[in-house]
Amino acid sequence: MTNEIIFAVQESPEGGYEARALGFSIFTQAESLEKLKAAVRDAVSCHFGENQKPQVIRLHIVKDEVIPA
């Protein structure tokens, strides 16, 4: 059983956010960070059985920023 699962979160080119689990085949997306948190919890619950679900979900938010050179 895993105690923690990590999601890489980034802004979607279409708007909103995308989250992809590291080491697991779990992907979800939502319009806002609050909705994404709920979608991630739901996706984790669907992927794992109730007794195998991690205790902690970590969201690693990656933001690309382009600046002039």
Protein backbone atom coordinates (compact mmCIF):
# COMPACT_ATOMS: atom_id res chain seq x y z
CA MET A 1 0.00 0.00 0.00
CA THR A 2 1.22 3.49 -0.87
CA ASN A 3 0.92 6.21 1.79
CA GLU A 4 1.22 9.08 -0.68
CA ILE A 5 0.51 9.73 -4.34
CA ILE A 6 1.95 12.69 -6.25
CA PHE A 7 0.26 14.50 -9.12
CA ALA A 8 2.02 16.88 -11.50
CA VAL A 9 -0.41 19.73 -12.16
CA GLN A 10 -0.13 22.21 -15.01
CA GLU A 11 -2.30 24.71 -16.78
CA SER A 12 -4.10 23.22 -19.76
CA PRO A 13 -3.61 24.87 -23.17
CA GLU A 14 -7.43 24.83 -23.53
CA GLY A 15 -7.89 26.53 -20.15
CA GLY A 16 -8.18 25.09 -16.66
CA TYR A 17 -5.78 22.54 -15.18
CA GLU A 18 -4.55 18.99 -15.85
CA ALA A 19 -3.23 16.56 -13.25
CA ARG A 20 -1.24 13.39 -13.98
CA ALA A 21 -0.21 10.93 -11.27
CA LEU A 22 3.46 10.01 -11.12
CA GLY A 23 3.89 6.24 -11.33
CA PHE A 24 0.18 5.50 -11.84
CA SER A 25 -2.17 5.65 -14.83
CA ILE A 26 -4.36 8.40 -13.40
CA PHE A 27 -5.19 11.62 -15.29
CA THR A 28 -7.88 14.22 -14.70
CA GLN A 29 -8.66 17.82 -15.54
CA ALA A 30 -10.89 20.65 -14.32
CA GLU A 31 -11.73 24.32 -14.85
CA SER A 32 -10.26 25.56 -11.54
CA LEU A 33 -7.83 24.38 -8.86
CA GLU A 34 -10.68 23.79 -6.39
CA LYS A 35 -12.55 21.62 -8.90
CA LEU A 36 -9.29 19.85 -9.79
CA LYS A 37 -8.75 18.88 -6.14
CA ALA A 38 -12.19 17.24 -6.07
CA ALA A 39 -11.54 15.53 -9.42
CA VAL A 40 -8.17 14.20 -8.18
CA ARG A 41 -9.76 12.78 -5.02
CA ASP A 42 -12.46 11.12 -7.12
CA ALA A 43 -9.91 9.68 -9.59
CA VAL A 44 -7.78 8.27 -6.76
CA SER A 45 -10.84 6.69 -5.13
CA CYS A 46 -11.80 5.08 -8.46
CA HIS A 47 -8.28 3.78 -9.11
CA PHE A 48 -7.62 2.26 -5.68
CA GLY A 49 -9.80 0.07 -3.51
CA GLU A 50 -11.01 1.64 -0.28
CA ASN A 51 -8.38 -0.21 1.80
CA GLN A 52 -5.54 0.51 -0.68
CA LYS A 53 -6.14 4.24 -1.18
CA PRO A 54 -3.17 6.47 -0.24
CA GLN A 55 -3.57 8.61 2.86
CA VAL A 56 -2.07 11.73 1.26
CA ILE A 57 -2.43 13.26 -2.20
CA ARG A 58 0.33 15.73 -3.08
CA LEU A 59 -0.23 18.23 -5.89
CA HIS A 60 2.99 19.47 -7.47
CA ILE A 61 1.93 22.56 -9.41
CA VAL A 62 4.20 23.34 -12.35
CA LYS A 63 3.88 26.75 -13.94
CA ASP A 64 5.85 27.74 -17.02
CA GLU A 65 6.57 31.42 -17.36
CA VAL A 66 8.16 32.88 -20.47
CA ILE A 67 10.08 36.12 -20.14
CA PRO A 68 11.93 38.12 -22.77
CA ALA A 69 15.68 37.52 -22.98
